[in-house]
Amino acid sequence: MTLTLLAIAVLTVVTFGYFGMCAGQPFTRCRRCNGFGFHTTTDRKGRPKRGKSCRRCKATGLRVRLGRRAWNAYHRTHRTHRNGTR
């Protein structure tokens, strides 16, 4: 019984913590280019050099978090419904 309540409490804290992080910092590093905005390649001597611009983040190095993307989709749907029923 107490283990179940503890698990629910931990999940609640983690969920609200993630929602707070999505509200405070909606962007995070791009996973493909590691936040550089471009892919790194090596030359023939093995030294790293700048490669092509990242297409996933459009060379910004940032992406929208999953929770923020879900909130934006919900809010867009709610706003469209509200404006359509006035």
PDB file of N, CA and C in Angstrom:
ATOM      1  N   MET A   1       0.822  -1.189   0.000  1.00  0.00           N
ATOM      2  CA  MET A   1       0.000   0.000   0.000  1.00  0.00           C
ATOM      3  C   MET A   1       0.868   1.255   0.000  1.00  0.00           C
ATOM      4  N   THR A   2       1.856   1.311   0.891  1.00  0.00           N
ATOM      5  CA  THR A   2       2.702   2.499   0.968  1.00  0.00           C
ATOM      6  C   THR A   2       3.629   2.594  -0.235  1.00  0.00           C
ATOM      7  N   LEU A   3       4.020   1.450  -0.772  1.00  0.00           N
ATOM      8  CA  LEU A   3       4.880   1.454  -1.954  1.00  0.00           C
ATOM      9  C   LEU A   3       4.143   2.024  -3.157  1.00  0.00           C
ATOM     10  N   THR A   4       2.871   1.713  -3.273  1.00  0.00           N
ATOM     11  CA  THR A   4       2.058   2.249  -4.362  1.00  0.00           C
ATOM     12  C   THR A   4       1.896   3.757  -4.223  1.00  0.00           C
ATOM     13  N   LEU A   5       1.623   4.237  -3.018  1.00  0.00           N
ATOM     14  CA  LEU A   5       1.487   5.669  -2.791  1.00  0.00           C
ATOM     15  C   LEU A   5       2.800   6.396  -3.048  1.00  0.00           C
ATOM     16  N   LEU A   6       3.905   5.765  -2.663  1.00  0.00           N
ATOM     17  CA  LEU A   6       5.217   6.355  -2.908  1.00  0.00           C
ATOM     18  C   LEU A   6       5.490   6.447  -4.405  1.00  0.00           C
ATOM     19  N   ALA A   7       5.156   5.396  -5.150  1.00  0.00           N
ATOM     20  CA  ALA A   7       5.358   5.413  -6.595  1.00  0.00           C
ATOM     21  C   ALA A   7       4.503   6.480  -7.267  1.00  0.00           C
ATOM     22  N   ILE A   8       3.266   6.632  -6.819  1.00  0.00           N
ATOM     23  CA  ILE A   8       2.382   7.662  -7.372  1.00  0.00           C
ATOM     24  C   ILE A   8       2.922   9.051  -7.057  1.00  0.00           C
ATOM     25  N   ALA A   9       3.427   9.230  -5.848  1.00  0.00           N
ATOM     26  CA  ALA A   9       3.975  10.530  -5.459  1.00  0.00           C
ATOM     27  C   ALA A   9       5.211  10.872  -6.284  1.00  0.00           C
ATOM     28  N   VAL A  10       6.082   9.895  -6.499  1.00  0.00           N
ATOM     29  CA  VAL A  10       7.286  10.127  -7.294  1.00  0.00           C
ATOM     30  C   VAL A  10       6.920  10.455  -8.739  1.00  0.00           C
ATOM     31  N   LEU A  11       5.986   9.709  -9.319  1.00  0.00           N
ATOM     32  CA  LEU A  11       5.568   9.987 -10.691  1.00  0.00           C
ATOM     33  C   LEU A  11       4.923  11.360 -10.816  1.00  0.00           C
ATOM     34  N   THR A  12       4.167  11.769  -9.808  1.00  0.00           N
ATOM     35  CA  THR A  12       3.554  13.093  -9.826  1.00  0.00           C
ATOM     36  C   THR A  12       4.614  14.185  -9.796  1.00  0.00           C
ATOM     37  N   VAL A  13       5.616  14.040  -8.940  1.00  0.00           N
ATOM     38  CA  VAL A  13       6.691  15.030  -8.849  1.00  0.00           C
ATOM     39  C   VAL A  13       7.477  15.094 -10.157  1.00  0.00           C
ATOM     40  N   VAL A  14       7.792  13.945 -10.739  1.00  0.00           N
ATOM     41  CA  VAL A  14       8.537  13.918 -12.000  1.00  0.00           C
ATOM     42  C   VAL A  14       7.718  14.549 -13.124  1.00  0.00           C
ATOM     43  N   THR A  15       6.427  14.256 -13.177  1.00  0.00           N
ATOM     44  CA  THR A  15       5.564  14.813 -14.228  1.00  0.00           C
ATOM     45  C   THR A  15       5.469  16.322 -14.121  1.00  0.00           C
ATOM     46  N   PHE A  16       5.205  16.834 -12.930  1.00  0.00           N
ATOM     47  CA  PHE A  16       5.105  18.283 -12.769  1.00  0.00           C
ATOM     48  C   PHE A  16       6.452  18.958 -12.970  1.00  0.00           C
ATOM     49  N   GLY A  17       7.530  18.284 -12.621  1.00  0.00           N
ATOM     50  CA  GLY A  17       8.867  18.825 -12.885  1.00  0.00           C
ATOM     51  C   GLY A  17       9.133  18.952 -14.379  1.00  0.00           C
ATOM     52  N   TYR A  18       8.726  17.945 -15.144  1.00  0.00           N
ATOM     53  CA  TYR A  18       8.908  18.003 -16.596  1.00  0.00           C
ATOM     54  C   TYR A  18       8.033  19.087 -17.209  1.00  0.00           C
ATOM     55  N   PHE A  19       6.787  19.223 -16.732  1.00  0.00           N
ATOM     56  CA  PHE A  19       5.925  20.296 -17.230  1.00  0.00           C
ATOM     57  C   PHE A  19       6.523  21.659 -16.933  1.00  0.00           C
ATOM     58  N   GLY A  20       7.097  21.818 -15.758  1.00  0.00           N
ATOM     59  CA  GLY A  20       7.754  23.079 -15.409  1.00  0.00           C
ATOM     60  C   GLY A  20       8.954  23.358 -16.295  1.00  0.00           C
ATOM     61  N   MET A  21       9.717  22.308 -16.606  1.00  0.00           N
ATOM     62  CA  MET A  21      10.866  22.483 -17.474  1.00  0.00           C
ATOM     63  C   MET A  21      10.426  22.834 -18.892  1.00  0.00           C
ATOM     64  N   CYS A  22       9.338  22.229 -19.364  1.00  0.00           N
ATOM     65  CA  CYS A  22       8.831  22.552 -20.702  1.00  0.00           C
ATOM     66  C   CYS A  22       8.319  23.989 -20.766  1.00  0.00           C
ATOM     67  N   ALA A  23       7.766  24.482 -19.669  1.00  0.00           N
ATOM     68  CA  ALA A  23       7.288  25.867 -19.650  1.00  0.00           C
ATOM     69  C   ALA A  23       8.445  26.847 -19.545  1.00  0.00           C
ATOM     70  N   GLY A  24       9.456  26.521 -18.761  1.00  0.00           N
ATOM     71  CA  GLY A  24      10.582  27.427 -18.549  1.00  0.00           C
ATOM     72  C   GLY A  24      11.624  27.384 -19.645  1.00  0.00           C
ATOM     73  N   GLN A  25      11.919  26.200 -20.138  1.00  0.00           N
ATOM     74  CA  GLN A  25      12.918  26.020 -21.195  1.00  0.00           C
ATOM     75  C   GLN A  25      12.314  25.151 -22.284  1.00  0.00           C
ATOM     76  N   PRO A  26      11.548  25.740 -23.205  1.00  0.00           N
ATOM     77  CA  PRO A  26      10.875  24.921 -24.212  1.00  0.00           C
ATOM     78  C   PRO A  26      11.826  24.331 -25.266  1.00  0.00           C
ATOM     79  N   PHE A  27      13.034  24.859 -25.379  1.00  0.00           N
ATOM     80  CA  PHE A  27      13.975  24.365 -26.383  1.00  0.00           C
ATOM     81  C   PHE A  27      15.114  23.619 -25.716  1.00  0.00           C
ATOM     82  N   THR A  28      15.646  22.620 -26.429  1.00  0.00           N
ATOM     83  CA  THR A  28      16.807  21.872 -25.980  1.00  0.00           C
ATOM     84  C   THR A  28      17.725  21.648 -27.174  1.00  0.00           C
ATOM     85  N   ARG A  29      18.885  21.054 -26.931  1.00  0.00           N
ATOM     86  CA  ARG A  29      19.849  20.829 -28.009  1.00  0.00           C
ATOM     87  C   ARG A  29      19.290  19.851 -29.036  1.00  0.00           C
ATOM     88  N   CYS A  30      19.653  20.061 -30.287  1.00  0.00           N
ATOM     89  CA  CYS A  30      19.290  19.123 -31.349  1.00  0.00           C
ATOM     90  C   CYS A  30      20.057  17.828 -31.121  1.00  0.00           C
ATOM     91  N   ARG A  31      19.376  16.697 -31.254  1.00  0.00           N
ATOM     92  CA  ARG A  31      20.033  15.416 -31.004  1.00  0.00           C
ATOM     93  C   ARG A  31      20.921  14.978 -32.164  1.00  0.00           C
ATOM     94  N   ARG A  32      20.630  15.449 -33.337  1.00  0.00           N
ATOM     95  CA  ARG A  32      21.414  15.017 -34.491  1.00  0.00           C
ATOM     96  C   ARG A  32      22.770  15.708 -34.544  1.00  0.00           C
ATOM     97  N   CYS A  33      22.798  17.025 -34.302  1.00  0.00           N
ATOM     98  CA  CYS A  33      24.056  17.771 -34.412  1.00  0.00           C
ATOM     99  C   CYS A  33      24.635  18.156 -33.053  1.00  0.00           C
ATOM    100  N   ASN A  34      24.034  17.697 -31.967  1.00  0.00           N
ATOM    101  CA  ASN A  34      24.472  17.976 -30.594  1.00  0.00           C
ATOM    102  C   ASN A  34      24.504  19.460 -30.271  1.00  0.00           C
ATOM    103  N   GLY A  35      23.624  20.241 -30.899  1.00  0.00           N
ATOM    104  CA  GLY A  35      23.524  21.657 -30.593  1.00  0.00           C
ATOM    105  C   GLY A  35      24.505  22.537 -31.338  1.00  0.00           C
ATOM    106  N   PHE A  36      25.317  21.972 -32.225  1.00  0.00           N
ATOM    107  CA  PHE A  36      26.269  22.786 -32.987  1.00  0.00           C
ATOM    108  C   PHE A  36      25.600  23.506 -34.147  1.00  0.00           C
ATOM    109  N   GLY A  37      24.585  22.910 -34.731  1.00  0.00           N
ATOM    110  CA  GLY A  37      23.940  23.486 -35.901  1.00  0.00           C
ATOM    111  C   GLY A  37      24.525  22.955 -37.196  1.00  0.00           C
ATOM    112  N   PHE A  38      25.521  22.101 -37.081  1.00  0.00           N
ATOM    113  CA  PHE A  38      26.138  21.487 -38.256  1.00  0.00           C
ATOM    114  C   PHE A  38      26.707  20.137 -37.852  1.00  0.00           C
ATOM    115  N   HIS A  39      26.885  19.291 -38.834  1.00  0.00           N
ATOM    116  CA  HIS A  39      27.486  17.985 -38.593  1.00  0.00           C
ATOM    117  C   HIS A  39      28.996  18.130 -38.630  1.00  0.00           C
ATOM    118  N   THR A  40      29.687  17.371 -37.805  1.00  0.00           N
ATOM    119  CA  THR A  40      31.144  17.409 -37.825  1.00  0.00           C
ATOM    120  C   THR A  40      31.660  16.240 -38.640  1.00  0.00           C
ATOM    121  N   THR A  41      32.634  16.512 -39.441  1.00  0.00           N
ATOM    122  CA  THR A  41      33.300  15.477 -40.224  1.00  0.00           C
ATOM    123  C   THR A  41      34.792  15.574 -39.942  1.00  0.00           C
ATOM    124  N   THR A  42      35.551  14.689 -40.519  1.00  0.00           N
ATOM    125  CA  THR A  42      37.004  14.744 -40.358  1.00  0.00           C
ATOM    126  C   THR A  42      37.653  14.862 -41.728  1.00  0.00           C
ATOM    127  N   ASP A  43      38.809  15.522 -41.745  1.00  0.00           N
ATOM    128  CA  ASP A  43      39.551  15.595 -43.001  1.00  0.00           C
ATOM    129  C   ASP A  43      40.414  14.338 -43.134  1.00  0.00           C
ATOM    130  N   ARG A  44      41.271  14.317 -44.129  1.00  0.00           N
ATOM    131  CA  ARG A  44      42.054  13.096 -44.372  1.00  0.00           C
ATOM    132  C   ARG A  44      43.082  12.827 -43.286  1.00  0.00           C
ATOM    133  N   LYS A  45      43.444  13.848 -42.532  1.00  0.00           N
ATOM    134  CA  LYS A  45      44.393  13.656 -41.438  1.00  0.00           C
ATOM    135  C   LYS A  45      43.709  13.281 -40.130  1.00  0.00           C
ATOM    136  N   GLY A  46      42.379  13.238 -40.141  1.00  0.00           N
ATOM    137  CA  GLY A  46      41.637  12.844 -38.949  1.00  0.00           C
ATOM    138  C   GLY A  46      41.247  13.998 -38.062  1.00  0.00           C
ATOM    139  N   ARG A  47      41.499  15.225 -38.479  1.00  0.00           N
ATOM    140  CA  ARG A  47      41.132  16.387 -37.679  1.00  0.00           C
ATOM    141  C   ARG A  47      39.666  16.730 -37.917  1.00  0.00           C
ATOM    142  N   PRO A  48      38.953  17.117 -36.867  1.00  0.00           N
ATOM    143  CA  PRO A  48      37.534  17.469 -37.076  1.00  0.00           C
ATOM    144  C   PRO A  48      37.396  18.787 -37.836  1.00  0.00           C
ATOM    145  N   LYS A  49      36.389  18.841 -38.678  1.00  0.00           N
ATOM    146  CA  LYS A  49      36.089  20.072 -39.397  1.00  0.00           C
ATOM    147  C   LYS A  49      34.589  20.210 -39.525  1.00  0.00           C
ATOM    148  N   ARG A  50      34.168  21.406 -39.882  1.00  0.00           N
ATOM    149  CA  ARG A  50      32.743  21.676 -39.998  1.00  0.00           C
ATOM    150  C   ARG A  50      32.195  20.996 -41.232  1.00  0.00           C
ATOM    151  N   GLY A  51      31.051  20.349 -41.056  1.00  0.00           N
ATOM    152  CA  GLY A  51      30.388  19.693 -42.170  1.00  0.00           C
ATOM    153  C   GLY A  51      29.196  20.501 -42.640  1.00  0.00           C
ATOM    154  N   LYS A  52      28.202  19.813 -43.166  1.00  0.00           N
ATOM    155  CA  LYS A  52      27.004  20.471 -43.680  1.00  0.00           C
ATOM    156  C   LYS A  52      26.134  20.980 -42.535  1.00  0.00           C
ATOM    157  N   SER A  53      25.311  21.969 -42.837  1.00  0.00           N
ATOM    158  CA  SER A  53      24.350  22.473 -41.855  1.00  0.00           C
ATOM    159  C   SER A  53      23.328  21.384 -41.559  1.00  0.00           C
ATOM    160  N   CYS A  54      22.865  21.352 -40.313  1.00  0.00           N
ATOM    161  CA  CYS A  54      21.906  20.337 -39.888  1.00  0.00           C
ATOM    162  C   CYS A  54      20.534  20.658 -40.474  1.00  0.00           C
ATOM    163  N   ARG A  55      19.927  19.680 -41.126  1.00  0.00           N
ATOM    164  CA  ARG A  55      18.611  19.891 -41.727  1.00  0.00           C
ATOM    165  C   ARG A  55      17.489  19.748 -40.713  1.00  0.00           C
ATOM    166  N   ARG A  56      17.713  18.980 -39.672  1.00  0.00           N
ATOM    167  CA  ARG A  56      16.655  18.766 -38.687  1.00  0.00           C
ATOM    168  C   ARG A  56      16.347  20.038 -37.910  1.00  0.00           C
ATOM    169  N   CYS A  57      17.380  20.749 -37.465  1.00  0.00           N
ATOM    170  CA  CYS A  57      17.150  21.963 -36.670  1.00  0.00           C
ATOM    171  C   CYS A  57      17.329  23.228 -37.504  1.00  0.00           C
ATOM    172  N   LYS A  58      17.564  23.071 -38.799  1.00  0.00           N
ATOM    173  CA  LYS A  58      17.761  24.203 -39.711  1.00  0.00           C
ATOM    174  C   LYS A  58      18.916  25.086 -39.258  1.00  0.00           C
ATOM    175  N   ALA A  59      19.993  24.467 -38.797  1.00  0.00           N
ATOM    176  CA  ALA A  59      21.247  25.109 -38.394  1.00  0.00           C
ATOM    177  C   ALA A  59      21.099  26.017 -37.177  1.00  0.00           C
ATOM    178  N   THR A  60      20.065  25.846 -36.362  1.00  0.00           N
ATOM    179  CA  THR A  60      19.936  26.637 -35.138  1.00  0.00           C
ATOM    180  C   THR A  60      20.558  25.922 -33.952  1.00  0.00           C
ATOM    181  N   GLY A  61      20.610  24.595 -34.002  1.00  0.00           N
ATOM    182  CA  GLY A  61      21.125  23.818 -32.886  1.00  0.00           C
ATOM    183  C   GLY A  61      20.080  23.550 -31.819  1.00  0.00           C
ATOM    184  N   LEU A  62      18.832  23.979 -32.043  1.00  0.00           N
ATOM    185  CA  LEU A  62      17.780  23.823 -31.040  1.00  0.00           C
ATOM    186  C   LEU A  62      16.608  23.033 -31.597  1.00  0.00           C
ATOM    187  N   ARG A  63      15.872  22.391 -30.702  1.00  0.00           N
ATOM    188  CA  ARG A  63      14.640  21.708 -31.066  1.00  0.00           C
ATOM    189  C   ARG A  63      13.640  21.921 -29.945  1.00  0.00           C
ATOM    190  N   VAL A  64      12.363  21.768 -30.255  1.00  0.00           N
ATOM    191  CA  VAL A  64      11.308  21.940 -29.258  1.00  0.00           C
ATOM    192  C   VAL A  64      11.143  20.629 -28.495  1.00  0.00           C
ATOM    193  N   ARG A  65      11.014  20.728 -27.181  1.00  0.00           N
ATOM    194  CA  ARG A  65      10.825  19.525 -26.367  1.00  0.00           C
ATOM    195  C   ARG A  65       9.498  18.856 -26.696  1.00  0.00           C
ATOM    196  N   LEU A  66       9.427  17.561 -26.439  1.00  0.00           N
ATOM    197  CA  LEU A  66       8.234  16.783 -26.751  1.00  0.00           C
ATOM    198  C   LEU A  66       7.014  17.277 -25.970  1.00  0.00           C
ATOM    199  N   GLY A  67       7.170  17.556 -24.698  1.00  0.00           N
ATOM    200  CA  GLY A  67       6.055  18.041 -23.888  1.00  0.00           C
ATOM    201  C   GLY A  67       5.557  19.398 -24.360  1.00  0.00           C
ATOM    202  N   ARG A  68       6.469  20.266 -24.762  1.00  0.00           N
ATOM    203  CA  ARG A  68       6.064  21.577 -25.263  1.00  0.00           C
ATOM    204  C   ARG A  68       5.357  21.440 -26.612  1.00  0.00           C
ATOM    205  N   ARG A  69       5.819  20.506 -27.443  1.00  0.00           N
ATOM    206  CA  ARG A  69       5.165  20.268 -28.724  1.00  0.00           C
ATOM    207  C   ARG A  69       3.737  19.774 -28.514  1.00  0.00           C
ATOM    208  N   ALA A  70       3.535  18.906 -27.530  1.00  0.00           N
ATOM    209  CA  ALA A  70       2.187  18.419 -27.225  1.00  0.00           C
ATOM    210  C   ALA A  70       1.312  19.556 -26.694  1.00  0.00           C
ATOM    211  N   TRP A  71       1.867  20.414 -25.831  1.00  0.00           N
ATOM    212  CA  TRP A  71       1.104  21.552 -25.315  1.00  0.00           C
ATOM    213  C   TRP A  71       0.711  22.495 -26.446  1.00  0.00           C
ATOM    214  N   ASN A  72       1.647  22.776 -27.362  1.00  0.00           N
ATOM    215  CA  ASN A  72       1.339  23.666 -28.488  1.00  0.00           C
ATOM    216  C   ASN A  72       0.232  23.079 -29.364  1.00  0.00           C
ATOM    217  N   ALA A  73       0.259  21.776 -29.601  1.00  0.00           N
ATOM    218  CA  ALA A  73      -0.775  21.143 -30.426  1.00  0.00           C
ATOM    219  C   ALA A  73      -2.130  21.208 -29.735  1.00  0.00           C
ATOM    220  N   TYR A  74      -2.170  20.953 -28.426  1.00  0.00           N
ATOM    221  CA  TYR A  74      -3.423  21.043 -27.679  1.00  0.00           C
ATOM    222  C   TYR A  74      -3.953  22.467 -27.690  1.00  0.00           C
ATOM    223  N   HIS A  75      -3.088  23.419 -27.447  1.00  0.00           N
ATOM    224  CA  HIS A  75      -3.511  24.817 -27.375  1.00  0.00           C
ATOM    225  C   HIS A  75      -4.010  25.299 -28.737  1.00  0.00           C
ATOM    226  N   ARG A  76      -3.356  24.877 -29.817  1.00  0.00           N
ATOM    227  CA  ARG A  76      -3.784  25.261 -31.159  1.00  0.00           C
ATOM    228  C   ARG A  76      -5.181  24.706 -31.452  1.00  0.00           C
ATOM    229  N   THR A  77      -5.442  23.444 -31.085  1.00  0.00           N
ATOM    230  CA  THR A  77      -6.749  22.832 -31.303  1.00  0.00           C
ATOM    231  C   THR A  77      -7.818  23.527 -30.467  1.00  0.00           C
ATOM    232  N   HIS A  78      -7.506  23.801 -29.214  1.00  0.00           N
ATOM    233  CA  HIS A  78      -8.456  24.470 -28.326  1.00  0.00           C
ATOM    234  C   HIS A  78      -8.786  25.876 -28.833  1.00  0.00           C
ATOM    235  N   ARG A  79      -7.768  26.603 -29.287  1.00  0.00           N
ATOM    236  CA  ARG A  79      -7.980  27.958 -29.777  1.00  0.00           C
ATOM    237  C   ARG A  79      -8.829  27.963 -31.039  1.00  0.00           C
ATOM    238  N   THR A  80      -8.584  26.994 -31.943  1.00  0.00           N
ATOM    239  CA  THR A  80      -9.369  26.901 -33.172  1.00  0.00           C
ATOM    240  C   THR A  80     -10.825  26.598 -32.857  1.00  0.00           C
ATOM    241  N   HIS A  81     -11.074  25.688 -31.929  1.00  0.00           N
ATOM    242  CA  HIS A  81     -12.445  25.357 -31.545  1.00  0.00           C
ATOM    243  C   HIS A  81     -13.146  26.557 -30.914  1.00  0.00           C
ATOM    244  N   ARG A  82     -12.421  27.253 -30.028  1.00  0.00           N
ATOM    245  CA  ARG A  82     -13.001  28.405 -29.354  1.00  0.00           C
ATOM    246  C   ARG A  82     -13.344  29.520 -30.361  1.00  0.00           C
ATOM    247  N   ASN A  83     -12.465  29.782 -31.298  1.00  0.00           N
ATOM    248  CA  ASN A  83     -12.726  30.825 -32.296  1.00  0.00           C
ATOM    249  C   ASN A  83     -13.831  30.422 -33.263  1.00  0.00           C
ATOM    250  N   GLY A  84     -14.018  29.139 -33.499  1.00  0.00           N
ATOM    251  CA  GLY A  84     -15.035  28.682 -34.427  1.00  0.00           C
ATOM    252  C   GLY A  84     -16.429  28.633 -33.830  1.00  0.00           C
ATOM    253  N   THR A  85     -16.528  28.671 -32.492  1.00  0.00           N
ATOM    254  CA  THR A  85     -17.847  28.576 -31.864  1.00  0.00           C
ATOM    255  C   THR A  85     -18.304  29.913 -31.288  1.00  0.00           C
ATOM    256  N   ARG A  86     -17.684  30.982 -31.667  1.00  0.00           N
ATOM    257  CA  ARG A  86     -18.097  32.311 -31.167  1.00  0.00           C
ATOM    258  C   ARG A  86     -19.280  32.817 -31.917  1.00  0.00           C
TER     259      ARG A  86
END
